[in-house]
Amino acid sequence: MSDEMNRLLAIMAQLRDPVRGCEWDTAQDFSTIAPYTIEEAYEVSDAIDRNDMEDLRGELGDLLFQVVFHSRMAEEAGHFSFADVARDISDKMEARHPHIFGAEGGIMEDSRWEDLKAAERSANGSHGALDGIAAALPALLRSGKLQKRAARVGFEWPDVEGPLAKLREELEELEAAETVEERLLEAGDVLFVAVNIVRRYGVEPEQALRASNSKFEYRFRKMEELSRLDGKDFASLDLDEQEAYWQRAKRDTA
């Protein structure tokens, strides 16, 4: 293990020392640290989206610190250490890449990769097709994973026409919903089917929506900028005037 990794582990041990450590760090547990872990993972993703390599280096360090933090708490409780975490992921990667680290050779096909992961889940006591999909995942990402797993055991429309027809049906049901609870459920069904449609075109739903969010945000800011240059308050414009700026923003950002 590198000197810098040992240094980081020593820093974490010092922070968690019950006598000489940091009061905040020693008061934490897995549940209180988990939100920070999720936040740091998103900040890594954001740095990648912005192609900011300097920021990415820092954010990866923050994320690594989260792994060290959880590992230290687990070691204190007698569960496992950072070395165990590193060994487990090394073992897993070698087992999942027999064409690289084993005698198989050749190219790893997607179906073989999924079979290896399924065997791991079975060895860990999971037997259902949907076992092992974390409930804490973002809803859109989890929806795609649930659908992929279901499709692996044959629960899938034969072509995209099936989910397209289902989407029309779900939109009608959303329009007919009368209560808040009904609208919530029907809106969820609309989104769930939309994920299926997008997935059938070979697009990752989470990536697609992130791209659309970024595009909308950029164009909206462009609209505000254009209206300011024209000496107008965007918020005070009527919808037709705002739409005109939207079309200008689209042309300027195409």
C-alpha atoms as a PDB file:
ATOM      1  CA  MET A   1       0.000   0.000   0.000  1.00  0.00           C
ATOM      2  CA  SER A   2       1.373   3.445  -0.934  1.00  0.00           C
ATOM      3  CA  ASP A   3       2.693   5.915   1.615  1.00  0.00           C
ATOM      4  CA  GLU A   4      -0.121   8.346   0.795  1.00  0.00           C
ATOM      5  CA  MET A   5      -2.761   5.676   1.352  1.00  0.00           C
ATOM      6  CA  ASN A   6      -1.203   4.792   4.693  1.00  0.00           C
ATOM      7  CA  ARG A   7      -1.125   8.485   5.554  1.00  0.00           C
ATOM      8  CA  LEU A   8      -4.839   8.823   4.800  1.00  0.00           C
ATOM      9  CA  LEU A   9      -5.696   5.775   6.917  1.00  0.00           C
ATOM     10  CA  ALA A  10      -3.625   7.213   9.778  1.00  0.00           C
ATOM     11  CA  ILE A  11      -5.439  10.549   9.504  1.00  0.00           C
ATOM     12  CA  MET A  12      -8.795   8.772   9.692  1.00  0.00           C
ATOM     13  CA  ALA A  13      -7.683   6.766  12.714  1.00  0.00           C
ATOM     14  CA  GLN A  14      -6.582   9.966  14.439  1.00  0.00           C
ATOM     15  CA  LEU A  15      -9.859  11.734  13.657  1.00  0.00           C
ATOM     16  CA  ARG A  16     -11.813   8.810  15.133  1.00  0.00           C
ATOM     17  CA  ASP A  17      -9.627   8.445  18.230  1.00  0.00           C
ATOM     18  CA  PRO A  18     -12.012   8.554  21.220  1.00  0.00           C
ATOM     19  CA  VAL A  19      -9.571  10.594  23.315  1.00  0.00           C
ATOM     20  CA  ARG A  20      -7.544  12.744  20.924  1.00  0.00           C
ATOM     21  CA  GLY A  21      -9.811  12.727  17.892  1.00  0.00           C
ATOM     22  CA  CYS A  22     -12.242  15.198  16.349  1.00  0.00           C
ATOM     23  CA  GLU A  23     -15.501  15.552  18.258  1.00  0.00           C
ATOM     24  CA  TRP A  24     -17.561  15.641  15.063  1.00  0.00           C
ATOM     25  CA  ASP A  25     -15.861  12.639  13.446  1.00  0.00           C
ATOM     26  CA  THR A  26     -16.105  10.474  16.552  1.00  0.00           C
ATOM     27  CA  ALA A  27     -19.828  11.200  16.837  1.00  0.00           C
ATOM     28  CA  GLN A  28     -20.629   9.833  13.379  1.00  0.00           C
ATOM     29  CA  ASP A  29     -21.955   6.406  12.385  1.00  0.00           C
ATOM     30  CA  PHE A  30     -22.776   4.682   9.093  1.00  0.00           C
ATOM     31  CA  SER A  31     -26.207   6.253   8.751  1.00  0.00           C
ATOM     32  CA  THR A  32     -25.027   9.806   9.401  1.00  0.00           C
ATOM     33  CA  ILE A  33     -22.119   9.505   6.967  1.00  0.00           C
ATOM     34  CA  ALA A  34     -24.102   7.818   4.154  1.00  0.00           C
ATOM     35  CA  PRO A  35     -25.649  11.089   2.839  1.00  0.00           C
ATOM     36  CA  TYR A  36     -22.169  12.587   2.505  1.00  0.00           C
ATOM     37  CA  THR A  37     -21.018   9.515   0.594  1.00  0.00           C
ATOM     38  CA  ILE A  38     -23.885   9.897  -1.873  1.00  0.00           C
ATOM     39  CA  GLU A  39     -23.219  13.625  -2.220  1.00  0.00           C
ATOM     40  CA  GLU A  40     -19.531  13.063  -2.950  1.00  0.00           C
ATOM     41  CA  ALA A  41     -20.367  10.510  -5.649  1.00  0.00           C
ATOM     42  CA  TYR A  42     -22.612  13.056  -7.362  1.00  0.00           C
ATOM     43  CA  GLU A  43     -19.874  15.681  -7.131  1.00  0.00           C
ATOM     44  CA  VAL A  44     -17.491  13.283  -8.876  1.00  0.00           C
ATOM     45  CA  SER A  45     -20.053  12.863 -11.644  1.00  0.00           C
ATOM     46  CA  ASP A  46     -20.522  16.625 -11.899  1.00  0.00           C
ATOM     47  CA  ALA A  47     -16.777  17.223 -12.270  1.00  0.00           C
ATOM     48  CA  ILE A  48     -16.688  14.636 -15.069  1.00  0.00           C
ATOM     49  CA  ASP A  49     -19.620  16.295 -16.840  1.00  0.00           C
ATOM     50  CA  ARG A  50     -17.778  19.629 -16.659  1.00  0.00           C
ATOM     51  CA  ASN A  51     -14.532  17.996 -17.831  1.00  0.00           C
ATOM     52  CA  ASP A  52     -12.779  19.677 -14.905  1.00  0.00           C
ATOM     53  CA  MET A  53      -9.855  17.385 -14.215  1.00  0.00           C
ATOM     54  CA  GLU A  54      -8.473  19.433 -11.330  1.00  0.00           C
ATOM     55  CA  ASP A  55     -11.841  19.374  -9.595  1.00  0.00           C
ATOM     56  CA  LEU A  56     -12.234  15.681 -10.405  1.00  0.00           C
ATOM     57  CA  ARG A  57      -8.976  14.914  -8.606  1.00  0.00           C
ATOM     58  CA  GLY A  58     -10.270  16.654  -5.497  1.00  0.00           C
ATOM     59  CA  GLU A  59     -13.704  15.070  -5.669  1.00  0.00           C
ATOM     60  CA  LEU A  60     -12.228  11.590  -6.078  1.00  0.00           C
ATOM     61  CA  GLY A  61     -10.201  12.264  -2.953  1.00  0.00           C
ATOM     62  CA  ASP A  62     -13.374  13.264  -1.101  1.00  0.00           C
ATOM     63  CA  LEU A  63     -15.061  10.066  -2.263  1.00  0.00           C
ATOM     64  CA  LEU A  64     -12.060   7.954  -1.250  1.00  0.00           C
ATOM     65  CA  PHE A  65     -12.186   9.561   2.173  1.00  0.00           C
ATOM     66  CA  GLN A  66     -15.786   8.363   2.496  1.00  0.00           C
ATOM     67  CA  VAL A  67     -14.663   4.781   1.818  1.00  0.00           C
ATOM     68  CA  VAL A  68     -11.925   5.159   4.421  1.00  0.00           C
ATOM     69  CA  PHE A  69     -14.410   6.637   6.914  1.00  0.00           C
ATOM     70  CA  HIS A  70     -16.867   3.734   6.567  1.00  0.00           C
ATOM     71  CA  SER A  71     -14.042   1.208   6.665  1.00  0.00           C
ATOM     72  CA  ARG A  72     -12.637   2.720   9.845  1.00  0.00           C
ATOM     73  CA  MET A  73     -16.006   2.598  11.601  1.00  0.00           C
ATOM     74  CA  ALA A  74     -16.417  -1.021  10.517  1.00  0.00           C
ATOM     75  CA  GLU A  75     -12.945  -1.895  11.803  1.00  0.00           C
ATOM     76  CA  GLU A  76     -13.702  -0.286  15.166  1.00  0.00           C
ATOM     77  CA  ALA A  77     -16.826  -2.437  15.418  1.00  0.00           C
ATOM     78  CA  GLY A  78     -14.893  -5.594  14.493  1.00  0.00           C
ATOM     79  CA  HIS A  79     -16.572  -6.118  11.109  1.00  0.00           C
ATOM     80  CA  PHE A  80     -13.886  -5.502   8.482  1.00  0.00           C
ATOM     81  CA  SER A  81     -11.008  -3.169   7.612  1.00  0.00           C
ATOM     82  CA  PHE A  82     -10.016  -1.076   4.610  1.00  0.00           C
ATOM     83  CA  ALA A  83      -7.653  -3.870   3.576  1.00  0.00           C
ATOM     84  CA  ASP A  84     -10.630  -6.262   3.527  1.00  0.00           C
ATOM     85  CA  VAL A  85     -12.543  -3.846   1.301  1.00  0.00           C
ATOM     86  CA  ALA A  86      -9.607  -3.566  -1.106  1.00  0.00           C
ATOM     87  CA  ARG A  87      -9.118  -7.344  -1.145  1.00  0.00           C
ATOM     88  CA  ASP A  88     -12.812  -8.038  -1.767  1.00  0.00           C
ATOM     89  CA  ILE A  89     -13.035  -5.695  -4.754  1.00  0.00           C
ATOM     90  CA  SER A  90      -9.783  -7.105  -6.166  1.00  0.00           C
ATOM     91  CA  ASP A  91     -11.125 -10.645  -5.834  1.00  0.00           C
ATOM     92  CA  LYS A  92     -14.400  -9.605  -7.438  1.00  0.00           C
ATOM     93  CA  MET A  93     -12.764  -7.904 -10.415  1.00  0.00           C
ATOM     94  CA  GLU A  94     -10.503 -10.875 -11.075  1.00  0.00           C
ATOM     95  CA  ALA A  95     -13.468 -13.262 -10.871  1.00  0.00           C
ATOM     96  CA  ARG A  96     -15.541 -11.075 -13.200  1.00  0.00           C
ATOM     97  CA  HIS A  97     -12.762 -10.899 -15.793  1.00  0.00           C
ATOM     98  CA  PRO A  98     -11.678 -14.511 -16.353  1.00  0.00           C
ATOM     99  CA  HIS A  99     -10.775 -13.567 -19.937  1.00  0.00           C
ATOM    100  CA  ILE A 100      -8.119 -11.227 -18.502  1.00  0.00           C
ATOM    101  CA  PHE A 101      -6.973 -12.873 -15.273  1.00  0.00           C
ATOM    102  CA  GLY A 102      -7.937 -16.468 -15.999  1.00  0.00           C
ATOM    103  CA  ALA A 103      -7.484 -19.032 -18.732  1.00  0.00           C
ATOM    104  CA  GLU A 104     -10.585 -18.251 -20.788  1.00  0.00           C
ATOM    105  CA  GLY A 105      -9.146 -15.626 -23.124  1.00  0.00           C
ATOM    106  CA  GLY A 106     -11.206 -13.895 -25.779  1.00  0.00           C
ATOM    107  CA  ILE A 107     -13.696 -11.048 -25.294  1.00  0.00           C
ATOM    108  CA  MET A 108     -16.139 -10.777 -22.401  1.00  0.00           C
ATOM    109  CA  GLU A 109     -19.716 -10.674 -23.746  1.00  0.00           C
ATOM    110  CA  ASP A 110     -22.449  -8.787 -21.882  1.00  0.00           C
ATOM    111  CA  SER A 111     -24.390 -11.994 -21.232  1.00  0.00           C
ATOM    112  CA  ARG A 112     -21.332 -13.655 -19.685  1.00  0.00           C
ATOM    113  CA  TRP A 113     -20.758 -10.597 -17.469  1.00  0.00           C
ATOM    114  CA  GLU A 114     -24.343 -10.740 -16.244  1.00  0.00           C
ATOM    115  CA  ASP A 115     -24.090 -14.480 -15.630  1.00  0.00           C
ATOM    116  CA  LEU A 116     -21.025 -13.942 -13.447  1.00  0.00           C
ATOM    117  CA  LYS A 117     -22.783 -11.248 -11.428  1.00  0.00           C
ATOM    118  CA  ALA A 118     -25.850 -13.473 -11.065  1.00  0.00           C
ATOM    119  CA  ALA A 119     -23.642 -16.277  -9.750  1.00  0.00           C
ATOM    120  CA  GLU A 120     -22.172 -13.857  -7.195  1.00  0.00           C
ATOM    121  CA  ARG A 121     -25.638 -12.856  -6.009  1.00  0.00           C
ATOM    122  CA  SER A 122     -26.667 -16.484  -5.717  1.00  0.00           C
ATOM    123  CA  ALA A 123     -23.541 -17.285  -3.695  1.00  0.00           C
ATOM    124  CA  ASN A 124     -24.496 -14.438  -1.359  1.00  0.00           C
ATOM    125  CA  GLY A 125     -27.968 -15.890  -0.814  1.00  0.00           C
ATOM    126  CA  SER A 126     -29.873 -13.824  -3.373  1.00  0.00           C
ATOM    127  CA  HIS A 127     -32.043 -15.837  -5.749  1.00  0.00           C
ATOM    128  CA  GLY A 128     -34.742 -13.472  -7.035  1.00  0.00           C
ATOM    129  CA  ALA A 129     -34.148 -11.696 -10.337  1.00  0.00           C
ATOM    130  CA  LEU A 130     -34.459  -8.285  -8.671  1.00  0.00           C
ATOM    131  CA  ASP A 131     -32.325  -9.043  -5.609  1.00  0.00           C
ATOM    132  CA  GLY A 132     -29.375  -6.773  -4.943  1.00  0.00           C
ATOM    133  CA  ILE A 133     -30.688  -3.591  -6.569  1.00  0.00           C
ATOM    134  CA  ALA A 134     -30.156  -0.925  -3.940  1.00  0.00           C
ATOM    135  CA  ALA A 135     -33.332   0.820  -2.815  1.00  0.00           C
ATOM    136  CA  ALA A 136     -31.383   4.051  -2.244  1.00  0.00           C
ATOM    137  CA  LEU A 137     -30.495   4.485  -5.924  1.00  0.00           C
ATOM    138  CA  PRO A 138     -31.999   7.498  -7.707  1.00  0.00           C
ATOM    139  CA  ALA A 139     -35.470   6.456  -8.844  1.00  0.00           C
ATOM    140  CA  LEU A 140     -34.748   6.818 -12.567  1.00  0.00           C
ATOM    141  CA  LEU A 141     -31.542   4.790 -12.354  1.00  0.00           C
ATOM    142  CA  ARG A 142     -33.220   2.115 -10.231  1.00  0.00           C
ATOM    143  CA  SER A 143     -36.129   1.881 -12.655  1.00  0.00           C
ATOM    144  CA  GLY A 144     -33.764   1.060 -15.501  1.00  0.00           C
ATOM    145  CA  LYS A 145     -31.959  -1.562 -13.440  1.00  0.00           C
ATOM    146  CA  LEU A 146     -35.213  -3.213 -12.365  1.00  0.00           C
ATOM    147  CA  GLN A 147     -36.377  -3.415 -15.954  1.00  0.00           C
ATOM    148  CA  LYS A 148     -33.072  -4.826 -17.200  1.00  0.00           C
ATOM    149  CA  ARG A 149     -33.161  -7.564 -14.584  1.00  0.00           C
ATOM    150  CA  ALA A 150     -36.782  -8.428 -15.414  1.00  0.00           C
ATOM    151  CA  ALA A 151     -35.910  -8.559 -19.110  1.00  0.00           C
ATOM    152  CA  ARG A 152     -33.131 -11.063 -18.417  1.00  0.00           C
ATOM    153  CA  VAL A 153     -35.720 -13.609 -17.298  1.00  0.00           C
ATOM    154  CA  GLY A 154     -38.015 -12.886 -20.258  1.00  0.00           C
ATOM    155  CA  PHE A 155     -40.375 -10.310 -18.733  1.00  0.00           C
ATOM    156  CA  GLU A 156     -40.119  -7.805 -21.571  1.00  0.00           C
ATOM    157  CA  TRP A 157     -42.206  -6.618 -24.529  1.00  0.00           C
ATOM    158  CA  PRO A 158     -40.966  -8.173 -27.788  1.00  0.00           C
ATOM    159  CA  ASP A 159     -40.571  -4.760 -29.432  1.00  0.00           C
ATOM    160  CA  VAL A 160     -40.922  -1.057 -28.697  1.00  0.00           C
ATOM    161  CA  GLU A 161     -44.541  -0.950 -29.856  1.00  0.00           C
ATOM    162  CA  GLY A 162     -45.584  -2.604 -26.588  1.00  0.00           C
ATOM    163  CA  PRO A 163     -44.270   0.105 -24.241  1.00  0.00           C
ATOM    164  CA  LEU A 164     -45.377   2.852 -26.667  1.00  0.00           C
ATOM    165  CA  ALA A 165     -48.962   1.592 -26.465  1.00  0.00           C
ATOM    166  CA  LYS A 166     -48.627   1.254 -22.704  1.00  0.00           C
ATOM    167  CA  LEU A 167     -47.411   4.855 -22.450  1.00  0.00           C
ATOM    168  CA  ARG A 168     -50.522   6.113 -24.218  1.00  0.00           C
ATOM    169  CA  GLU A 169     -52.640   4.054 -21.821  1.00  0.00           C
ATOM    170  CA  GLU A 170     -50.814   5.387 -18.757  1.00  0.00           C
ATOM    171  CA  LEU A 171     -51.143   9.002 -19.964  1.00  0.00           C
ATOM    172  CA  GLU A 172     -54.905   8.513 -20.289  1.00  0.00           C
ATOM    173  CA  GLU A 173     -55.040   7.087 -16.772  1.00  0.00           C
ATOM    174  CA  LEU A 174     -53.048  10.025 -15.427  1.00  0.00           C
ATOM    175  CA  GLU A 175     -55.439  12.445 -17.117  1.00  0.00           C
ATOM    176  CA  ALA A 176     -58.408  10.590 -15.575  1.00  0.00           C
ATOM    177  CA  ALA A 177     -56.912  10.438 -12.056  1.00  0.00           C
ATOM    178  CA  GLU A 178     -59.027  12.332  -9.539  1.00  0.00           C
ATOM    179  CA  THR A 179     -57.109  12.262  -6.264  1.00  0.00           C
ATOM    180  CA  VAL A 180     -53.590  13.234  -5.269  1.00  0.00           C
ATOM    181  CA  GLU A 181     -52.776   9.595  -4.496  1.00  0.00           C
ATOM    182  CA  GLU A 182     -54.071   8.423  -7.885  1.00  0.00           C
ATOM    183  CA  ARG A 183     -52.112  11.089  -9.737  1.00  0.00           C
ATOM    184  CA  LEU A 184     -48.950  10.125  -7.866  1.00  0.00           C
ATOM    185  CA  LEU A 185     -49.291   6.470  -8.833  1.00  0.00           C
ATOM    186  CA  GLU A 186     -50.281   7.139 -12.422  1.00  0.00           C
ATOM    187  CA  ALA A 187     -47.494   9.689 -12.890  1.00  0.00           C
ATOM    188  CA  GLY A 188     -45.038   7.083 -11.642  1.00  0.00           C
ATOM    189  CA  ASP A 189     -46.394   4.577 -14.160  1.00  0.00           C
ATOM    190  CA  VAL A 190     -45.912   7.107 -16.971  1.00  0.00           C
ATOM    191  CA  LEU A 191     -42.275   7.643 -15.988  1.00  0.00           C
ATOM    192  CA  PHE A 192     -41.659   3.914 -15.542  1.00  0.00           C
ATOM    193  CA  VAL A 193     -42.919   3.134 -19.042  1.00  0.00           C
ATOM    194  CA  ALA A 194     -40.962   6.077 -20.488  1.00  0.00           C
ATOM    195  CA  VAL A 195     -37.804   4.531 -19.021  1.00  0.00           C
ATOM    196  CA  ASN A 196     -38.637   1.283 -20.794  1.00  0.00           C
ATOM    197  CA  ILE A 197     -39.064   3.042 -24.124  1.00  0.00           C
ATOM    198  CA  VAL A 198     -35.800   4.957 -23.821  1.00  0.00           C
ATOM    199  CA  ARG A 199     -33.973   1.813 -22.752  1.00  0.00           C
ATOM    200  CA  ARG A 200     -35.258  -0.044 -25.812  1.00  0.00           C
ATOM    201  CA  TYR A 201     -33.443   2.472 -27.995  1.00  0.00           C
ATOM    202  CA  GLY A 202     -30.174   1.633 -26.257  1.00  0.00           C
ATOM    203  CA  VAL A 203     -30.081   4.840 -24.226  1.00  0.00           C
ATOM    204  CA  GLU A 204     -29.372   5.017 -20.483  1.00  0.00           C
ATOM    205  CA  PRO A 205     -32.353   6.938 -19.011  1.00  0.00           C
ATOM    206  CA  GLU A 206     -30.306   8.634 -16.294  1.00  0.00           C
ATOM    207  CA  GLN A 207     -27.751   9.919 -18.793  1.00  0.00           C
ATOM    208  CA  ALA A 208     -30.474  11.035 -21.194  1.00  0.00           C
ATOM    209  CA  LEU A 209     -32.328  13.051 -18.565  1.00  0.00           C
ATOM    210  CA  ARG A 210     -29.120  14.594 -17.233  1.00  0.00           C
ATOM    211  CA  ALA A 211     -28.308  15.732 -20.784  1.00  0.00           C
ATOM    212  CA  SER A 212     -31.773  17.220 -21.217  1.00  0.00           C
ATOM    213  CA  ASN A 213     -31.558  18.949 -17.838  1.00  0.00           C
ATOM    214  CA  SER A 214     -28.262  20.532 -18.857  1.00  0.00           C
ATOM    215  CA  LYS A 215     -29.619  21.591 -22.234  1.00  0.00           C
ATOM    216  CA  PHE A 216     -32.734  23.138 -20.696  1.00  0.00           C
ATOM    217  CA  GLU A 217     -30.709  24.968 -18.047  1.00  0.00           C
ATOM    218  CA  TYR A 218     -28.289  26.364 -20.627  1.00  0.00           C
ATOM    219  CA  ARG A 219     -31.068  27.555 -22.946  1.00  0.00           C
ATOM    220  CA  PHE A 220     -33.103  29.045 -20.118  1.00  0.00           C
ATOM    221  CA  ARG A 221     -30.117  31.049 -18.917  1.00  0.00           C
ATOM    222  CA  LYS A 222     -29.566  32.114 -22.514  1.00  0.00           C
ATOM    223  CA  MET A 223     -33.163  33.385 -22.690  1.00  0.00           C
ATOM    224  CA  GLU A 224     -32.650  35.457 -19.568  1.00  0.00           C
ATOM    225  CA  GLU A 225     -29.407  36.845 -20.979  1.00  0.00           C
ATOM    226  CA  LEU A 226     -31.023  37.784 -24.291  1.00  0.00           C
ATOM    227  CA  SER A 227     -33.923  39.523 -22.599  1.00  0.00           C
ATOM    228  CA  ARG A 228     -31.534  41.501 -20.376  1.00  0.00           C
ATOM    229  CA  LEU A 229     -29.593  42.606 -23.447  1.00  0.00           C
ATOM    230  CA  ASP A 230     -32.899  43.844 -24.868  1.00  0.00           C
ATOM    231  CA  GLY A 231     -33.581  45.738 -21.663  1.00  0.00           C
ATOM    232  CA  LYS A 232     -36.482  43.493 -20.651  1.00  0.00           C
ATOM    233  CA  ASP A 233     -37.340  41.634 -17.457  1.00  0.00           C
ATOM    234  CA  PHE A 234     -37.837  38.042 -18.552  1.00  0.00           C
ATOM    235  CA  ALA A 235     -40.187  37.194 -15.688  1.00  0.00           C
ATOM    236  CA  SER A 236     -42.551  40.029 -16.652  1.00  0.00           C
ATOM    237  CA  LEU A 237     -42.945  38.880 -20.275  1.00  0.00           C
ATOM    238  CA  ASP A 238     -46.030  36.997 -21.411  1.00  0.00           C
ATOM    239  CA  LEU A 239     -45.720  33.420 -22.613  1.00  0.00           C
ATOM    240  CA  ASP A 240     -45.620  34.316 -26.318  1.00  0.00           C
ATOM    241  CA  GLU A 241     -42.734  36.733 -25.725  1.00  0.00           C
ATOM    242  CA  GLN A 242     -40.895  34.168 -23.606  1.00  0.00           C
ATOM    243  CA  GLU A 243     -41.418  31.567 -26.341  1.00  0.00           C
ATOM    244  CA  ALA A 244     -39.831  33.945 -28.858  1.00  0.00           C
ATOM    245  CA  TYR A 245     -36.757  34.168 -26.647  1.00  0.00           C
ATOM    246  CA  TRP A 246     -36.756  30.385 -26.293  1.00  0.00           C
ATOM    247  CA  GLN A 247     -36.617  30.020 -30.061  1.00  0.00           C
ATOM    248  CA  ARG A 248     -33.760  32.544 -30.223  1.00  0.00           C
ATOM    249  CA  ALA A 249     -31.923  30.653 -27.503  1.00  0.00           C
ATOM    250  CA  LYS A 250     -32.373  27.396 -29.396  1.00  0.00           C
ATOM    251  CA  ARG A 251     -30.924  28.942 -32.549  1.00  0.00           C
ATOM    252  CA  ASP A 252     -27.990  30.396 -30.618  1.00  0.00           C
ATOM    253  CA  THR A 253     -27.219  27.112 -28.838  1.00  0.00           C
ATOM    254  CA  ALA A 254     -27.929  24.633 -31.634  1.00  0.00           C
END
